[in-house]
Protein backbone atom coordinates (compact mmCIF):
# COMPACT_ATOMS: atom_id res chain seq x y z
CA MET A 1 0.00 0.00 0.00
CA PRO A 2 1.43 3.43 -0.94
CA ASP A 3 2.47 5.80 1.81
CA PRO A 4 -0.11 8.65 2.06
CA GLU A 5 2.77 11.11 2.49
CA THR A 6 4.36 10.13 -0.85
CA PRO A 7 3.46 12.62 -3.58
CA ARG A 8 1.35 11.20 -6.38
CA MET A 9 2.07 12.19 -9.93
CA LEU A 10 -0.38 12.49 -12.78
CA TYR A 11 1.41 11.35 -15.92
CA VAL A 12 0.62 10.95 -19.60
CA GLY A 13 3.01 8.24 -20.80
CA PHE A 14 6.73 7.61 -20.95
CA CYS A 15 9.52 9.71 -22.38
CA ARG A 16 10.68 9.02 -25.93
CA MET A 17 13.95 10.84 -25.18
CA CYS A 18 15.24 8.54 -22.41
CA GLY A 19 12.80 5.64 -22.86
CA THR A 20 12.19 5.15 -19.13
CA GLY A 21 10.88 8.29 -17.43
CA ALA A 22 7.24 8.92 -16.71
CA LEU A 23 5.92 12.11 -18.32
CA GLY A 24 4.52 13.86 -15.27
CA LEU A 25 2.38 16.95 -15.23
CA ARG A 26 4.04 19.76 -13.34
CA THR A 27 2.49 23.10 -12.35
CA CYS A 28 4.87 26.05 -12.37
CA GLY A 29 5.01 28.08 -9.18
CA GLY A 30 5.82 31.23 -11.16
CA CYS A 31 3.11 31.34 -13.81
CA ALA A 32 0.81 28.40 -12.87
CA GLY A 33 1.31 26.90 -16.32
CA VAL A 34 1.04 23.12 -16.63
CA VAL A 35 3.91 21.42 -18.47
CA VAL A 36 4.85 17.83 -19.24
CA VAL A 37 8.12 16.87 -17.50
CA CYS A 38 10.09 13.65 -17.76
CA ASP A 39 10.82 12.62 -14.18
CA GLU A 40 13.96 10.80 -15.31
CA CYS A 41 15.86 12.92 -17.87
CA ASP A 42 14.38 16.33 -16.98
CA VAL A 43 13.02 17.62 -20.26
CA ALA A 44 9.75 19.53 -20.58
CA TRP A 45 7.06 20.12 -23.19
CA ILE A 46 4.45 22.88 -23.17
CA ASP A 47 1.61 20.90 -24.75
CA GLU A 48 0.45 17.49 -25.94
CA ASP A 49 2.68 17.39 -29.02
CA LEU A 50 5.34 15.18 -27.47
CA SER A 51 6.81 14.39 -30.90
CA ASP A 52 8.23 17.94 -31.01
CA PRO A 53 11.62 18.57 -29.42
CA PRO A 54 11.32 19.47 -25.72
CA ALA A 55 10.85 23.15 -24.93
CA THR A 56 13.28 22.96 -21.99
CA THR A 57 16.02 20.53 -21.07
CA GLY A 58 17.40 19.62 -17.66
CA SER A 59 19.51 21.85 -15.53
CA GLU A 60 19.74 22.37 -11.80
CA THR A 61 16.43 24.24 -11.81
CA LEU A 62 14.62 22.97 -14.94
CA PRO A 63 13.29 26.38 -15.97
CA CYS A 64 9.64 26.73 -16.93
CA PRO A 65 9.34 27.13 -20.72
CA HIS A 66 6.79 29.91 -20.12
CA CYS A 67 8.39 32.09 -17.44
CA GLU A 68 11.83 30.62 -16.52
CA ALA A 69 10.85 29.92 -12.88
CA SER A 70 12.21 26.66 -11.48
CA LEU A 71 9.92 23.69 -12.07
CA TYR A 72 11.72 21.86 -9.24
CA ASP A 73 11.57 24.37 -6.42
CA PRO A 74 8.41 25.21 -4.46
CA PRO A 75 5.89 26.53 -5.07
CA SER A 76 6.13 24.42 -8.27
CA HIS A 77 4.50 21.02 -7.70
CA TRP A 78 2.99 17.94 -9.32
CA THR A 79 -0.27 18.97 -10.96
CA THR A 80 -3.51 18.19 -9.13
CA GLY A 81 -6.75 16.94 -10.64
CA ASP A 82 -8.31 20.39 -10.20
CA GLU A 83 -5.39 21.99 -12.06
CA VAL A 84 -5.84 19.51 -14.91
CA GLN A 85 -9.44 20.73 -15.28
CA GLN A 86 -8.24 24.36 -15.35
CA SER A 87 -5.67 23.77 -18.10
CA ASP A 88 -7.28 24.42 -21.48
CA TRP A 89 -4.65 22.64 -23.57
CA LEU A 90 -4.63 19.61 -21.29
CA THR A 91 -8.39 19.15 -21.04
CA HIS A 92 -8.60 19.52 -24.83
CA ALA A 93 -5.90 16.85 -25.33
CA LEU A 94 -7.60 14.48 -22.87
CA ASP A 95 -11.07 15.05 -24.34
CA HIS A 96 -9.75 14.27 -27.83
CA ASN A 97 -7.78 11.18 -26.69
CA ARG A 98 -4.43 12.74 -27.56
CA LEU A 99 -3.21 11.97 -24.04
CA THR A 100 -4.29 9.46 -21.41
CA LEU A 101 -4.03 10.46 -17.78
CA GLU A 102 -2.49 7.95 -15.34
CA VAL A 103 -1.59 8.18 -11.65
CA GLY A 104 1.70 6.98 -10.21
CA GLN A 105 4.32 7.63 -7.59
CA ALA A 106 6.49 10.66 -8.16
CA PHE A 107 10.22 10.07 -8.50
CA LEU A 108 11.87 10.68 -5.17
CA PRO A 109 15.68 10.99 -5.19
CA GLU A 110 15.89 9.64 -1.64
CA ALA A 111 14.34 6.36 -2.86
CA ASN A 112 17.69 5.67 -4.54
CA ASP A 113 19.68 6.06 -1.33
CA PRO A 114 21.64 2.89 -0.50
CA ASP A 115 20.20 2.75 3.04
CA GLU A 116 16.66 2.52 1.70
CA ASP A 117 14.79 -0.78 2.14
CA LEU A 118 15.26 -2.65 -1.12
CA ASP A 119 12.25 -4.88 -0.51
CA ARG A 120 9.79 -1.99 -0.57
CA LYS A 121 7.35 -2.27 -3.48
CA ASP A 122 5.07 0.42 -4.87
CA SER A 123 1.40 -0.39 -5.31
């Protein structure tokens, strides 16, 4: 059973750039824009056209493609269900089956610490 304190991530597939990362929805703390972010290789797209090159690539802050605020640092956060409904481009993509919304566990760097229990499984 997942820990209620672990952040949940709404995601829309897996990254074609790295082949392994979930494409999470991230809300920018600077402009409140919703972007698609690979939780593995840290690239970001501004809309559902994930075949385009990413709008932003990883750095220490992963700048928002709209306003340059950090997508990592608070108040930026994983997008909530209410924020999905407020995002015009995202609701349009979901309504027209261009994206499928899934729920998973957000990547947590501390989960890769060597002292972490290796037998822990996500549900």
